[in-house]
Amino acid sequence: RSPKVLDGIYRVNRIDNPQLKYIYPLAKAFLLPSKLEIFG
């Protein structure tokens, strides 16, 4: 991948699930491109 793409990514390996209540509302969009997903 290009350096520009990689520079734009903020990576976090893990956040405790209840903490996500503070993260989701700050996103312009949430993406889920799974090929197969039982529910999600």
All heavy atoms as atom14 arrays in JSON, in Angstrom:
{
  "sequence": "RSPKVLDGIYRVNRIDNPQLKYIYPLAKAFLLPSKLEIFG",
  "atom14_mask": [
    [1, 1, 1, 1, 1, 1, 1, 1, 1, 1, 1, 0, 0, 0],
    [1, 1, 1, 1, 1, 1, 0, 0, 0, 0, 0, 0, 0, 0],
    [1, 1, 1, 1, 1, 1, 1, 0, 0, 0, 0, 0, 0, 0],
    [1, 1, 1, 1, 1, 1, 1, 1, 1, 0, 0, 0, 0, 0],
    [1, 1, 1, 1, 1, 1, 1, 0, 0, 0, 0, 0, 0, 0],
    [1, 1, 1, 1, 1, 1, 1, 1, 0, 0, 0, 0, 0, 0],
    [1, 1, 1, 1, 1, 1, 1, 1, 0, 0, 0, 0, 0, 0],
    [1, 1, 1, 1, 0, 0, 0, 0, 0, 0, 0, 0, 0, 0],
    [1, 1, 1, 1, 1, 1, 1, 1, 0, 0, 0, 0, 0, 0],
    [1, 1, 1, 1, 1, 1, 1, 1, 1, 1, 1, 1, 0, 0],
    [1, 1, 1, 1, 1, 1, 1, 1, 1, 1, 1, 0, 0, 0],
    [1, 1, 1, 1, 1, 1, 1, 0, 0, 0, 0, 0, 0, 0],
    [1, 1, 1, 1, 1, 1, 1, 1, 0, 0, 0, 0, 0, 0],
    [1, 1, 1, 1, 1, 1, 1, 1, 1, 1, 1, 0, 0, 0],
    [1, 1, 1, 1, 1, 1, 1, 1, 0, 0, 0, 0, 0, 0],
    [1, 1, 1, 1, 1, 1, 1, 1, 0, 0, 0, 0, 0, 0],
    [1, 1, 1, 1, 1, 1, 1, 1, 0, 0, 0, 0, 0, 0],
    [1, 1, 1, 1, 1, 1, 1, 0, 0, 0, 0, 0, 0, 0],
    [1, 1, 1, 1, 1, 1, 1, 1, 1, 0, 0, 0, 0, 0],
    [1, 1, 1, 1, 1, 1, 1, 1, 0, 0, 0, 0, 0, 0],
    [1, 1, 1, 1, 1, 1, 1, 1, 1, 0, 0, 0, 0, 0],
    [1, 1, 1, 1, 1, 1, 1, 1, 1, 1, 1, 1, 0, 0],
    [1, 1, 1, 1, 1, 1, 1, 1, 0, 0, 0, 0, 0, 0],
    [1, 1, 1, 1, 1, 1, 1, 1, 1, 1, 1, 1, 0, 0],
    [1, 1, 1, 1, 1, 1, 1, 0, 0, 0, 0, 0, 0, 0],
    [1, 1, 1, 1, 1, 1, 1, 1, 0, 0, 0, 0, 0, 0],
    [1, 1, 1, 1, 1, 0, 0, 0, 0, 0, 0, 0, 0, 0],
    [1, 1, 1, 1, 1, 1, 1, 1, 1, 0, 0, 0, 0, 0],
    [1, 1, 1, 1, 1, 0, 0, 0, 0, 0, 0, 0, 0, 0],
    [1, 1, 1, 1, 1, 1, 1, 1, 1, 1, 1, 0, 0, 0],
    [1, 1, 1, 1, 1, 1, 1, 1, 0, 0, 0, 0, 0, 0],
    [1, 1, 1, 1, 1, 1, 1, 1, 0, 0, 0, 0, 0, 0],
    [1, 1, 1, 1, 1, 1, 1, 0, 0, 0, 0, 0, 0, 0],
    [1, 1, 1, 1, 1, 1, 0, 0, 0, 0, 0, 0, 0, 0],
    [1, 1, 1, 1, 1, 1, 1, 1, 1, 0, 0, 0, 0, 0],
    [1, 1, 1, 1, 1, 1, 1, 1, 0, 0, 0, 0, 0, 0],
    [1, 1, 1, 1, 1, 1, 1, 1, 1, 0, 0, 0, 0, 0],
    [1, 1, 1, 1, 1, 1, 1, 1, 0, 0, 0, 0, 0, 0],
    [1, 1, 1, 1, 1, 1, 1, 1, 1, 1, 1, 0, 0, 0],
    [1, 1, 1, 1, 0, 0, 0, 0, 0, 0, 0, 0, 0, 0]
  ],
  "atom14_positions": [
    [[0.83, -1.2, 0.0], [0.0, 0.0, 0.0], [0.87, 1.25, 0.0], [1.99, 1.25, 0.5], [-0.91, 0.01, 1.24], [-1.88, -1.16, 1.28], [-2.96, -1.03, 0.23], [-3.76, -2.25, 0.12], [-4.87, -2.36, -0.6], [-5.31, -1.31, -1.29], [-5.52, -3.5, -0.67], [0.0, 0.0, 0.0], [0.0, 0.0, 0.0], [0.0, 0.0, 0.0]],
    [[0.31, 2.33, -0.53], [1.07, 3.57, -0.63], [1.29, 4.18, 0.74], [0.47, 4.0, 1.66], [0.33, 4.57, -1.52], [-0.83, 5.04, -0.86], [0.0, 0.0, 0.0], [0.0, 0.0, 0.0], [0.0, 0.0, 0.0], [0.0, 0.0, 0.0], [0.0, 0.0, 0.0], [0.0, 0.0, 0.0], [0.0, 0.0, 0.0], [0.0, 0.0, 0.0]],
    [[2.37, 4.91, 0.92], [2.62, 5.6, 2.21], [1.47, 6.52, 2.6], [1.16, 6.65, 3.79], [3.9, 6.37, 1.96], [4.6, 5.61, 0.88], [3.51, 5.08, 0.0], [0.0, 0.0, 0.0], [0.0, 0.0, 0.0], [0.0, 0.0, 0.0], [0.0, 0.0, 0.0], [0.0, 0.0, 0.0], [0.0, 0.0, 0.0], [0.0, 0.0, 0.0]],
    [[0.82, 7.14, 1.63], [-0.27, 8.06, 1.94], [-1.44, 7.32, 2.58], [-2.03, 7.79, 3.56], [-0.73, 8.77, 0.67], [-1.81, 9.83, 0.95], [-2.21, 10.56, -0.33], [-3.28, 11.6, -0.03], [-3.74, 12.31, -1.24], [0.0, 0.0, 0.0], [0.0, 0.0, 0.0], [0.0, 0.0, 0.0], [0.0, 0.0, 0.0], [0.0, 0.0, 0.0]],
    [[-1.77, 6.15, 2.03], [-2.86, 5.36, 2.61], [-2.49, 4.92, 4.02], [-3.29, 5.05, 4.96], [-3.17, 4.12, 1.72], [-4.07, 3.14, 2.46], [-3.83, 4.56, 0.42], [0.0, 0.0, 0.0], [0.0, 0.0, 0.0], [0.0, 0.0, 0.0], [0.0, 0.0, 0.0], [0.0, 0.0, 0.0], [0.0, 0.0, 0.0], [0.0, 0.0, 0.0]],
    [[-1.3, 4.4, 4.2], [-0.87, 3.91, 5.51], [-0.81, 5.05, 6.53], [-1.14, 4.85, 7.71], [0.48, 3.21, 5.4], [0.5, 1.96, 4.5], [1.9, 1.35, 4.49], [-0.52, 0.94, 4.98], [0.0, 0.0, 0.0], [0.0, 0.0, 0.0], [0.0, 0.0, 0.0], [0.0, 0.0, 0.0], [0.0, 0.0, 0.0], [0.0, 0.0, 0.0]],
    [[-0.41, 6.23, 6.09], [-0.35, 7.38, 7.01], [-1.73, 7.81, 7.49], [-1.86, 8.43, 8.55], [0.35, 8.56, 6.33], [1.86, 8.36, 6.2], [2.39, 7.45, 6.87], [2.49, 9.09, 5.41], [0.0, 0.0, 0.0], [0.0, 0.0, 0.0], [0.0, 0.0, 0.0], [0.0, 0.0, 0.0], [0.0, 0.0, 0.0], [0.0, 0.0, 0.0]],
    [[-2.76, 7.5, 6.69], [-4.11, 7.9, 7.06], [-4.82, 6.93, 7.98], [-5.95, 7.19, 8.42], [0.0, 0.0, 0.0], [0.0, 0.0, 0.0], [0.0, 0.0, 0.0], [0.0, 0.0, 0.0], [0.0, 0.0, 0.0], [0.0, 0.0, 0.0], [0.0, 0.0, 0.0], [0.0, 0.0, 0.0], [0.0, 0.0, 0.0], [0.0, 0.0, 0.0]],
    [[-4.17, 5.8, 8.28], [-4.8, 4.76, 9.11], [-4.39, 4.91, 10.57], [-3.21, 5.01, 10.88], [-4.43, 3.35, 8.6], [-4.93, 3.15, 7.16], [-5.02, 2.27, 9.52], [-4.46, 1.86, 6.53], [0.0, 0.0, 0.0], [0.0, 0.0, 0.0], [0.0, 0.0, 0.0], [0.0, 0.0, 0.0], [0.0, 0.0, 0.0], [0.0, 0.0, 0.0]],
    [[-5.37, 4.92, 11.45], [-5.13, 4.93, 12.9], [-5.46, 3.52, 13.39], [-6.62, 3.11, 13.4], [-6.03, 5.96, 13.57], [-5.72, 6.2, 15.04], [-5.22, 7.43, 15.46], [-5.96, 5.22, 16.01], [-4.95, 7.66, 16.81], [-5.68, 5.45, 17.35], [-5.18, 6.66, 17.74], [-4.91, 6.89, 19.07], [0.0, 0.0, 0.0], [0.0, 0.0, 0.0]],
    [[-4.44, 2.77, 13.8], [-4.62, 1.36, 14.18], [-4.67, 1.19, 15.7], [-3.85, 1.71, 16.43], [-3.47, 0.51, 13.63], [-3.61, 0.13, 12.19], [-4.69, -0.92, 11.96], [-4.28, -2.24, 12.44], [-4.88, -2.9, 13.44], [-5.9, -2.37, 14.09], [-4.46, -4.1, 13.81], [0.0, 0.0, 0.0], [0.0, 0.0, 0.0], [0.0, 0.0, 0.0]],
    [[-5.67, 0.43, 16.12], [-5.8, 0.02, 17.52], [-6.1, -1.47, 17.52], [-7.05, -1.91, 16.87], [-6.93, 0.78, 18.24], [-7.04, 0.32, 19.69], [-6.71, 2.28, 18.16], [0.0, 0.0, 0.0], [0.0, 0.0, 0.0], [0.0, 0.0, 0.0], [0.0, 0.0, 0.0], [0.0, 0.0, 0.0], [0.0, 0.0, 0.0], [0.0, 0.0, 0.0]],
    [[-5.31, -2.25, 18.25], [-5.53, -3.7, 18.27], [-6.78, -4.07, 19.07], [-7.51, -4.99, 18.69], [-4.33, -4.42, 18.86], [-3.23, -4.63, 17.85], [-3.49, -4.73, 16.65], [-2.0, -4.65, 18.3], [0.0, 0.0, 0.0], [0.0, 0.0, 0.0], [0.0, 0.0, 0.0], [0.0, 0.0, 0.0], [0.0, 0.0, 0.0], [0.0, 0.0, 0.0]],
    [[-7.01, -3.37, 20.17], [-8.14, -3.76, 21.01], [-8.59, -2.6, 21.88], [-7.77, -1.85, 22.4], [-7.75, -4.93, 21.92], [-8.88, -5.5, 22.75], [-8.41, -6.64, 23.65], [-9.51, -7.21, 24.39], [-10.0, -6.71, 25.52], [-9.46, -5.62, 26.04], [-11.01, -7.29, 26.14], [0.0, 0.0, 0.0], [0.0, 0.0, 0.0], [0.0, 0.0, 0.0]],
    [[-9.91, -2.47, 22.02], [-10.5, -1.55, 22.98], [-11.59, -2.33, 23.71], [-12.37, -3.06, 23.09], [-11.1, -0.31, 22.28], [-9.98, 0.63, 21.82], [-12.05, 0.44, 23.2], [-10.47, 1.91, 21.18], [0.0, 0.0, 0.0], [0.0, 0.0, 0.0], [0.0, 0.0, 0.0], [0.0, 0.0, 0.0], [0.0, 0.0, 0.0], [0.0, 0.0, 0.0]],
    [[-11.67, -2.19, 25.02], [-12.72, -2.86, 25.77], [-14.07, -2.49, 25.19], [-14.34, -1.31, 24.9], [-12.66, -2.47, 27.25], [-11.48, -3.1, 27.97], [-10.91, -4.06, 27.42], [-11.13, -2.63, 29.07], [0.0, 0.0, 0.0], [0.0, 0.0, 0.0], [0.0, 0.0, 0.0], [0.0, 0.0, 0.0], [0.0, 0.0, 0.0], [0.0, 0.0, 0.0]],
    [[-14.94, -3.49, 25.06], [-16.2, -3.29, 24.36], [-17.02, -2.1, 24.87], [-17.5, -1.29, 24.06], [-17.02, -4.58, 24.43], [-18.19, -4.58, 23.49], [-19.33, -4.65, 23.92], [-17.94, -4.48, 22.2], [0.0, 0.0, 0.0], [0.0, 0.0, 0.0], [0.0, 0.0, 0.0], [0.0, 0.0, 0.0], [0.0, 0.0, 0.0], [0.0, 0.0, 0.0]],
    [[-17.21, -1.9, 26.18], [-18.0, -0.74, 26.63], [-17.42, 0.6, 26.22], [-18.14, 1.59, 26.11], [-18.02, -0.9, 28.15], [-17.81, -2.36, 28.39], [-16.87, -2.79, 27.31], [0.0, 0.0, 0.0], [0.0, 0.0, 0.0], [0.0, 0.0, 0.0], [0.0, 0.0, 0.0], [0.0, 0.0, 0.0], [0.0, 0.0, 0.0], [0.0, 0.0, 0.0]],
    [[-16.09, 0.64, 25.98], [-15.45, 1.9, 25.57], [-15.88, 2.35, 24.17], [-15.76, 3.52, 23.81], [-13.93, 1.73, 25.6], [-13.33, 1.45, 26.96], [-13.19, 2.69, 27.81], [-12.73, 3.73, 27.34], [-13.58, 2.6, 29.08], [0.0, 0.0, 0.0], [0.0, 0.0, 0.0], [0.0, 0.0, 0.0], [0.0, 0.0, 0.0], [0.0, 0.0, 0.0]],
    [[-16.39, 1.41, 23.39], [-16.77, 1.74, 22.02], [-17.92, 2.74, 21.95], [-18.14, 3.37, 20.91], [-17.13, 0.46, 21.25], [-15.96, -0.48, 20.95], [-16.48, -1.79, 20.37], [-14.98, 0.17, 19.98], [0.0, 0.0, 0.0], [0.0, 0.0, 0.0], [0.0, 0.0, 0.0], [0.0, 0.0, 0.0], [0.0, 0.0, 0.0], [0.0, 0.0, 0.0]],
    [[-18.66, 2.89, 23.05], [-19.75, 3.87, 23.06], [-19.24, 5.29, 22.82], [-19.98, 6.16, 22.36], [-20.51, 3.81, 24.39], [-19.71, 4.23, 25.59], [-20.47, 3.97, 26.89], [-21.19, 5.18, 27.37], [-21.84, 4.98, 28.69], [0.0, 0.0, 0.0], [0.0, 0.0, 0.0], [0.0, 0.0, 0.0], [0.0, 0.0, 0.0], [0.0, 0.0, 0.0]],
    [[-17.96, 5.51, 23.09], [-17.37, 6.83, 22.89], [-16.77, 6.98, 21.48], [-16.47, 8.1, 21.06], [-16.27, 7.07, 23.92], [-16.73, 6.97, 25.35], [-16.24, 5.97, 26.18], [-17.66, 7.86, 25.86], [-16.67, 5.85, 27.51], [-18.1, 7.76, 27.18], [-17.6, 6.75, 28.0], [-18.03, 6.64, 29.3], [0.0, 0.0, 0.0], [0.0, 0.0, 0.0]],
    [[-16.6, 5.86, 20.79], [-15.9, 5.87, 19.49], [-16.88, 5.92, 18.31], [-16.72, 6.73, 17.39], [-14.99, 4.64, 19.37], [-14.0, 4.58, 20.55], [-14.25, 4.64, 18.04], [-13.16, 5.82, 20.73], [0.0, 0.0, 0.0], [0.0, 0.0, 0.0], [0.0, 0.0, 0.0], [0.0, 0.0, 0.0], [0.0, 0.0, 0.0], [0.0, 0.0, 0.0]],
    [[-17.89, 5.05, 18.33], [-18.82, 4.99, 17.2], [-19.42, 6.35, 16.83], [-19.5, 6.69, 15.64], [-19.96, 4.0, 17.5], [-19.62, 2.54, 17.31], [-19.47, 1.7, 18.4], [-19.49, 1.99, 16.04], [-19.18, 0.35, 18.24], [-19.2, 0.66, 15.86], [-19.04, -0.17, 16.97], [-18.76, -1.5, 16.8], [0.0, 0.0, 0.0], [0.0, 0.0, 0.0]],
    [[-19.87, 7.17, 17.79], [-20.54, 8.43, 17.4], [-19.63, 9.42, 16.69], [-20.12, 10.36, 16.05], [-21.0, 9.01, 18.75], [-21.01, 7.87, 19.7], [-19.91, 6.97, 19.24], [0.0, 0.0, 0.0], [0.0, 0.0, 0.0], [0.0, 0.0, 0.0], [0.0, 0.0, 0.0], [0.0, 0.0, 0.0], [0.0, 0.0, 0.0], [0.0, 0.0, 0.0]],
    [[-18.31, 9.22, 16.77], [-17.38, 10.15, 16.15], [-17.04, 9.78, 14.71], [-16.31, 10.51, 14.04], [-16.08, 10.21, 16.99], [-16.26, 10.69, 18.43], [-14.93, 10.61, 19.18], [-16.81, 12.11, 18.46], [0.0, 0.0, 0.0], [0.0, 0.0, 0.0], [0.0, 0.0, 0.0], [0.0, 0.0, 0.0], [0.0, 0.0, 0.0], [0.0, 0.0, 0.0]],
    [[-17.58, 8.67, 14.23], [-17.28, 8.2, 12.87], [-18.29, 8.76, 11.87], [-19.5, 8.79, 12.14], [-17.29, 6.68, 12.82], [0.0, 0.0, 0.0], [0.0, 0.0, 0.0], [0.0, 0.0, 0.0], [0.0, 0.0, 0.0], [0.0, 0.0, 0.0], [0.0, 0.0, 0.0], [0.0, 0.0, 0.0], [0.0, 0.0, 0.0], [0.0, 0.0, 0.0]],
    [[-17.81, 9.18, 10.72], [-18.7, 9.61, 9.65], [-19.46, 8.43, 9.05], [-20.59, 8.58, 8.57], [-17.9, 10.31, 8.55], [-17.3, 11.64, 8.97], [-18.37, 12.64, 9.33], [-17.78, 13.99, 9.71], [-18.84, 14.94, 10.13], [0.0, 0.0, 0.0], [0.0, 0.0, 0.0], [0.0, 0.0, 0.0], [0.0, 0.0, 0.0], [0.0, 0.0, 0.0]],
    [[-18.84, 7.25, 9.09], [-19.48, 6.04, 8.6], [-18.77, 4.83, 9.21], [-17.56, 4.89, 9.48], [-19.45, 5.95, 7.08], [0.0, 0.0, 0.0], [0.0, 0.0, 0.0], [0.0, 0.0, 0.0], [0.0, 0.0, 0.0], [0.0, 0.0, 0.0], [0.0, 0.0, 0.0], [0.0, 0.0, 0.0], [0.0, 0.0, 0.0], [0.0, 0.0, 0.0]],
    [[-19.53, 3.76, 9.43], [-18.97, 2.49, 9.86], [-19.08, 1.51, 8.69], [-20.15, 1.35, 8.1], [-19.72, 1.94, 11.07], [-19.3, 0.54, 11.43], [-18.13, 0.33, 12.15], [-20.06, -0.55, 11.04], [-17.72, -0.96, 12.46], [-19.66, -1.84, 11.36], [-18.48, -2.04, 12.08], [0.0, 0.0, 0.0], [0.0, 0.0, 0.0], [0.0, 0.0, 0.0]],
    [[-17.98, 0.84, 8.35], [-17.94, -0.05, 7.2], [-17.78, -1.5, 7.64], [-16.94, -1.81, 8.49], [-16.79, 0.31, 6.26], [-16.99, 1.49, 5.3], [-17.18, 2.79, 6.05], [-15.81, 1.61, 4.33], [0.0, 0.0, 0.0], [0.0, 0.0, 0.0], [0.0, 0.0, 0.0], [0.0, 0.0, 0.0], [0.0, 0.0, 0.0], [0.0, 0.0, 0.0]],
    [[-18.59, -2.38, 7.05], [-18.48, -3.83, 7.3], [-18.56, -4.57, 5.97], [-19.65, -4.88, 5.51], [-19.57, -4.31, 8.25], [-19.44, -5.78, 8.67], [-18.24, -5.98, 9.59], [-20.71, -6.26, 9.38], [0.0, 0.0, 0.0], [0.0, 0.0, 0.0], [0.0, 0.0, 0.0], [0.0, 0.0, 0.0], [0.0, 0.0, 0.0], [0.0, 0.0, 0.0]],
    [[-17.41, -4.89, 5.35], [-17.42, -5.5, 4.02], [-17.23, -7.02, 4.04], [-16.7, -7.58, 3.1], [-16.21, -4.84, 3.36], [-15.22, -4.74, 4.49], [-16.03, -4.5, 5.74], [0.0, 0.0, 0.0], [0.0, 0.0, 0.0], [0.0, 0.0, 0.0], [0.0, 0.0, 0.0], [0.0, 0.0, 0.0], [0.0, 0.0, 0.0], [0.0, 0.0, 0.0]],
    [[-17.67, -7.69, 5.1], [-17.42, -9.13, 5.24], [-17.98, -9.91, 4.05], [-19.09, -9.64, 3.57], [-18.07, -9.66, 6.52], [-17.59, -9.0, 7.66], [0.0, 0.0, 0.0], [0.0, 0.0, 0.0], [0.0, 0.0, 0.0], [0.0, 0.0, 0.0], [0.0, 0.0, 0.0], [0.0, 0.0, 0.0], [0.0, 0.0, 0.0], [0.0, 0.0, 0.0]],
    [[-17.2, -10.91, 3.62], [-17.69, -11.81, 2.57], [-18.81, -12.69, 3.12], [-19.77, -12.99, 2.42], [-16.54, -12.67, 2.07], [-15.41, -11.89, 1.41], [-14.26, -12.8, 1.05], [-13.09, -12.02, 0.48], [-11.91, -12.9, 0.19], [0.0, 0.0, 0.0], [0.0, 0.0, 0.0], [0.0, 0.0, 0.0], [0.0, 0.0, 0.0], [0.0, 0.0, 0.0]],
    [[-18.64, -13.14, 4.37], [-19.65, -13.92, 5.07], [-19.69, -13.42, 6.51], [-18.66, -13.2, 7.12], [-19.31, -15.42, 5.05], [-19.32, -16.11, 3.69], [-18.69, -17.49, 3.79], [-20.74, -16.21, 3.14], [0.0, 0.0, 0.0], [0.0, 0.0, 0.0], [0.0, 0.0, 0.0], [0.0, 0.0, 0.0], [0.0, 0.0, 0.0], [0.0, 0.0, 0.0]],
    [[-20.88, -13.24, 7.03], [-21.03, -12.76, 8.4], [-22.33, -13.34, 8.95], [-23.41, -13.03, 8.45], [-21.09, -11.23, 8.42], [-21.03, -10.62, 9.79], [-19.61, -10.63, 10.37], [-18.69, -10.1, 9.72], [-19.45, -11.18, 11.48], [0.0, 0.0, 0.0], [0.0, 0.0, 0.0], [0.0, 0.0, 0.0], [0.0, 0.0, 0.0], [0.0, 0.0, 0.0]],
    [[-22.23, -14.21, 9.97], [-23.42, -14.86, 10.51], [-24.45, -13.82, 10.92], [-25.62, -13.93, 10.59], [-23.04, -15.78, 11.69], [-22.29, -17.01, 11.15], [-24.29, -16.22, 12.45], [-21.77, -17.94, 12.22], [0.0, 0.0, 0.0], [0.0, 0.0, 0.0], [0.0, 0.0, 0.0], [0.0, 0.0, 0.0], [0.0, 0.0, 0.0], [0.0, 0.0, 0.0]],
    [[-24.04, -12.81, 11.65], [-24.91, -11.67, 11.93], [-24.12, -10.37, 11.95], [-24.42, -9.44, 11.21], [-25.67, -11.85, 13.26], [-26.87, -10.95, 13.34], [-28.09, -11.37, 12.83], [-26.79, -9.68, 13.88], [-29.21, -10.53, 12.88], [-27.89, -8.84, 13.93], [-29.1, -9.27, 13.42], [0.0, 0.0, 0.0], [0.0, 0.0, 0.0], [0.0, 0.0, 0.0]],
    [[-23.11, -10.31, 12.78], [-22.33, -9.08, 12.88], [-22.81, -8.22, 14.03], [-23.59, -7.28, 13.84], [0.0, 0.0, 0.0], [0.0, 0.0, 0.0], [0.0, 0.0, 0.0], [0.0, 0.0, 0.0], [0.0, 0.0, 0.0], [0.0, 0.0, 0.0], [0.0, 0.0, 0.0], [0.0, 0.0, 0.0], [0.0, 0.0, 0.0], [0.0, 0.0, 0.0]]
  ]
}
